[in-house]
Amino acid sequence: MRDTSVPGLEIGTRRGFTVLRLPAQVSWQNYAGIREGVCRALAPAARTAGTGRRRAGVVVDFGESVLLDASGLVLLARTETRAQLLGCPLRAVVPAVDGPVRRALRLTGLDRIVPVYPDVAAATAAPPPDGSPAAVDTAHVLDAIRAMHPGDGDLPPAPAPASELTITTTGAGDGDHTVVHLSGVLDQITVRRLGAALTTLVEGDLRHLMVRMHDRLGLRCDPLPVLLGIRWRVAAEGGCLSLPALPARLREIIDREGLGSAFTACRGGTALA
C-alpha cells in the first residue's frame, strides 16, 4: 500500500517480509517520514521479540530511487542498528548493479553489513543465515558516509578536539546493576570513549548496566548506535542496559523511534524514570 504521509513511499508484504519501496527521490526533506515508515515496519518484530516465533524480516527497496544527499545511506545504517537490536533480518534491494546507489553502499561498507539483492523476489526468497547474527558496529560506516558527503549540512559536523567526558561507575545498591555516570560533553569523539568504557565493563562480566546522564551533559551527537550496540551484547547474555535519566532531546528521539522498551532494566531496575 502507498504511505500517504510520504509521497512515493510504499509499504507492503511478500513471503512474510515487510517491504518498503522508497520514493523516487530520497533526501533530508522526506527522511523523517521515511524513517517513521521504517519504524512501523520494525514494530511487529519488537512486539514478537521473546515469543520464539520466526520473523521473516524487512526489505528496503531502493528501486530506481535517486539519493540526493547522505540521508538514504544514514537511514540504512541506522535501520540496521535497530533491526539488529530487535533480531529482525534486514535486506536491501538495489536493481542497478553498477548504479550510484550500489556504488555508495560498496564505498561506505554498507553492503558488507546489509545483504543486497537485485530485486524483491530474490530478497524474500533467500534463506536466513545460519546461526545467530554477530553484533555489528556501524560507526565506521557513518564515518565513511560523512567522508563521502563532507558538505552535507544535515550530517553532524566534525567535533572540536577539546571535548571532555567524565565516566564514573557505582553500584546500584541491588547487587546486580552497575550505574555508569556521564558528565561533560558527549560528541563524535567522546561517544567512542563511552563505547570503549561500556565494552570494558561488559567484557569484565558486568551484564546489567544503567547509564545515567548528568542533567547538564552536553549532547552534541546521537549516541544511540553505541548504546544499542552495547544493549544488544548484554541482552544476548541475559543482561540489560537502561537509561534512568535522559536529556529531553535524547528522550524525544527514543520515544519517536519507539525504543523505550529496549532500554528497560531487569529485576526491578528503573528504565526511563
Foldseek 3Di string as FASTA:
>chain_A
DADPVAPQWDWDDDLQEIEIEDHQEDEPVCLLVVLLVLLVRCVVLQVCPPVPDDHLAYEYEPDNHDYPALSVVVSLLVSLLVCLLSVGAYAYEDQDCPDPVVVLCVQLVVCVSHPYHNDPVVVSPDDDDPDRDDQDQCLSSLVSSCVVHVPDPVRQHDDDPVWDKDWDWDDPPPVQEIEIEIATEDDPVCLVVVLVVLVVCVVVVRLEYEYEYDQHYHYRDQSVSSQSSSQSVSVVVVYAYAYQEDHPVNVVVCVSSVNQVRRQHPDPDHHPD
